[in-house]
Every structure is written in C-alpha cells, then in structure tokens.
Protein backbone atom coordinates (compact mmCIF):
# COMPACT_ATOMS: atom_id res chain seq x y z
CA MET A 1 0.00 0.00 0.00
CA SER A 2 1.46 3.35 -1.02
CA LYS A 3 1.41 6.43 1.16
CA ASN A 4 -1.32 8.03 -0.94
CA GLU A 5 -3.55 4.96 -0.66
CA ARG A 6 -3.53 5.38 3.10
CA LEU A 7 -5.51 8.58 2.61
CA LEU A 8 -8.45 6.50 1.39
CA TYR A 9 -8.83 5.05 4.89
CA GLN A 10 -7.88 7.90 7.20
CA ALA A 11 -9.46 11.29 7.81
CA ASN A 12 -7.78 14.62 7.27
CA ASN A 13 -7.23 15.79 10.85
CA PHE A 14 -4.77 18.68 10.55
CA SER A 15 -6.90 21.09 8.49
CA PRO A 16 -10.01 20.73 10.68
CA ALA A 17 -7.88 21.33 13.77
CA LEU A 18 -6.63 24.59 12.24
CA ALA A 19 -10.20 25.52 11.30
CA PHE A 20 -11.28 25.02 14.91
CA PHE A 21 -8.33 27.17 15.99
CA PHE A 22 -9.68 29.83 13.60
CA LEU A 23 -13.03 29.58 15.41
CA PHE A 24 -11.32 30.13 18.75
CA ILE A 25 -9.32 33.14 17.52
CA ASN A 26 -12.34 34.62 15.74
CA THR A 27 -14.53 34.31 18.84
CA TRP A 28 -11.80 35.85 20.99
CA GLN A 29 -11.50 38.70 18.50
CA VAL A 30 -15.24 39.43 18.60
CA ILE A 31 -15.30 39.42 22.41
CA PHE A 32 -12.26 41.71 22.44
CA THR A 33 -13.87 44.03 19.87
CA LEU A 34 -17.16 44.26 21.71
CA ASN A 35 -15.39 44.98 25.00
CA MET A 36 -13.32 47.77 23.48
CA ILE A 37 -15.80 49.69 21.34
CA ASP A 38 -18.37 52.13 22.70
CA VAL A 39 -21.54 50.07 22.36
CA SER A 40 -23.89 53.04 22.85
CA ALA A 41 -22.23 54.98 20.01
CA GLU A 42 -21.98 52.02 17.62
CA GLY A 43 -25.52 50.59 18.09
CA ILE A 44 -26.33 48.69 14.90
CA ARG A 45 -22.63 47.93 14.33
CA VAL A 46 -22.65 45.62 17.36
CA MET A 47 -25.48 43.59 15.87
CA GLU A 48 -23.59 43.35 12.57
CA ILE A 49 -20.45 42.14 14.35
CA ILE A 50 -22.33 39.48 16.29
CA LEU A 51 -24.34 38.23 13.30
CA LEU A 52 -21.26 38.10 11.09
CA ASN A 53 -19.41 36.12 13.76
CA ILE A 54 -22.31 33.65 14.05
CA LEU A 55 -22.40 33.20 10.27
CA LEU A 56 -18.62 32.77 9.99
CA SER A 57 -18.57 30.32 12.89
CA PHE A 58 -21.32 28.25 11.28
CA LEU A 59 -19.62 28.20 7.87
CA VAL A 60 -16.19 27.39 9.28
CA PHE A 61 -17.67 24.58 11.37
CA ILE A 62 -19.13 23.10 8.17
CA VAL A 63 -15.79 23.62 6.42
CA ALA A 64 -14.00 21.77 9.22
CA SER A 65 -16.48 18.90 9.06
CA GLU A 66 -16.33 18.52 5.30
CA VAL A 67 -12.58 19.04 4.91
CA LYS A 68 -12.06 16.07 7.20
CA ARG A 69 -13.55 13.96 4.38
CA TYR A 70 -11.37 15.61 1.68
CA SER A 71 -14.09 17.80 0.17
CA LEU A 72 -12.56 19.96 -2.55
CA ILE A 73 -15.48 22.41 -2.70
CA TRP A 74 -15.39 23.12 1.02
CA SER A 75 -11.61 23.52 0.90
CA TRP A 76 -12.12 26.31 -1.63
CA ALA A 77 -14.90 27.75 0.55
CA GLY A 78 -12.51 27.82 3.51
CA LEU A 79 -9.97 29.66 1.39
CA GLY A 80 -12.60 32.25 0.46
CA ILE A 81 -13.64 32.70 4.08
CA GLY A 82 -9.99 33.13 5.10
CA VAL A 83 -9.49 35.85 2.47
CA PHE A 84 -12.72 37.52 3.61
CA GLN A 85 -11.46 37.44 7.21
CA CYS A 86 -8.23 39.16 6.15
CA LEU A 87 -10.20 41.82 4.26
CA ARG A 88 -12.38 42.47 7.31
CA ALA A 89 -9.44 44.35 8.81
CA LEU A 90 -10.27 47.21 6.43
CA PHE A 91 -13.65 47.73 8.13
CA ILE A 92 -12.66 47.97 11.79
CA PRO A 93 -15.02 50.08 13.92
CA ALA A 94 -13.77 53.40 15.18
CA GLY A 95 -11.59 53.40 18.24
CA THR A 96 -8.11 54.27 19.38
CA ARG A 97 -5.15 53.30 17.26
CA TRP A 98 -4.07 50.60 19.74
CA ILE A 99 -7.52 48.97 19.66
CA ARG A 100 -7.65 49.03 15.86
CA ILE A 101 -4.18 47.48 15.60
CA ASN A 102 -5.07 44.68 18.03
CA ILE A 103 -8.30 43.91 16.19
CA ALA A 104 -6.54 43.98 12.79
CA VAL A 105 -3.78 41.66 14.01
CA SER A 106 -6.25 39.09 15.34
CA LEU A 107 -8.33 39.28 12.13
CA GLU A 108 -5.27 38.83 9.93
CA PHE A 109 -3.86 36.04 12.10
CA SER A 110 -7.09 34.05 12.08
CA GLY A 111 -7.53 34.66 8.36
CA PHE A 112 -4.03 33.39 7.60
CA ILE A 113 -4.66 30.31 9.76
CA LEU A 114 -7.76 29.44 7.73
CA ILE A 115 -5.98 30.17 4.44
CA PHE A 116 -3.14 27.86 5.47
CA ALA A 117 -5.60 25.16 6.54
CA SER A 118 -7.43 25.44 3.21
CA ILE A 119 -4.26 25.28 1.15
CA TRP A 120 -3.15 22.25 3.16
CA SER A 121 -6.54 20.67 2.58
CA LEU A 122 -6.42 21.40 -1.16
CA ALA A 123 -3.07 19.62 -1.36
CA LYS A 124 -4.45 16.65 0.58
CA CYS A 125 -7.52 16.57 -1.68
CA ALA A 126 -5.28 16.35 -4.73
CA LYS A 127 -3.39 13.43 -3.17
CA TYR A 128 -6.69 11.79 -2.21
CA ARG A 129 -8.02 12.09 -5.77
CA GLN A 130 -4.78 10.62 -7.09
CA ALA A 131 -5.01 7.70 -4.65
CA GLU A 132 -8.61 7.08 -5.76
CA ARG A 133 -7.52 6.93 -9.39
CA GLU A 134 -4.61 4.59 -8.58
CA SER A 135 -6.78 2.21 -6.59
CA GLN A 136 -9.24 1.67 -9.43
C-alpha cells in the first residue's frame, strides 16, 4: 500500500484542527472588539459584528467537518472565508489606534490560519483524488 492509498482510509485531521483554531481566535477577536468599542455609540454595528461572527462560525464549522472527508469544494470555501477574514481588517469600527491594531492583528492572524488550513486541505484533496484513481 502506497502512502497516498492510506488517505483512502484515514481522515484529514490537521486542516479541521486549524479551522477550529480559527473559530477560537475569531470568537476571541469578537469578544475583544465588543469589550473595546463604545456600544452606545456604535448601536447597529454591534449587531452586525455578532451576526457576522455567528455566520462565519457556522460556515467554518461546516468547512471543518467537510474538509475532514477531503471535500474539494469546502476547501475552496474555507480559502474564500480566510481571504474575507483578512479583508475584514479594512472595516474595523472606530476606536483608538491601539484597539484598531489589536483587532486587525487578530483578524489577519485568524484569516491566515484558515488560508493555510485550506491550502493544506487542497493539497491533501489532490493526493486523495490521485489515490482514488490509482486504486481503481
């Protein structure tokens, strides 16, 4: 049995672990953001932040579940979500410079983690597809 054929019988565990780490960092970032901004002045912005975090958490949880089974489509979806997370740093709510830098760093860090996990998963998916072709 070749190394690639082993992929047919084992799950992809590294990429989902990184996706769950993204969830942890993203949740920490939202809590940090909501603690630092002036909630009374932002109003509707708080609701947008919370709803976006819920949506991202849901999607990344699905990505982590599907990537474990070498899903190519969800690997690409994870890559898109990671890029979106990095771009979110451009729309940081008003605050002091220190707060904006901390929020941007956590957004970029979590985005790069998900991008790395997705690229890793795409590479594993390619090896998985090759092993499927070889086994037939």
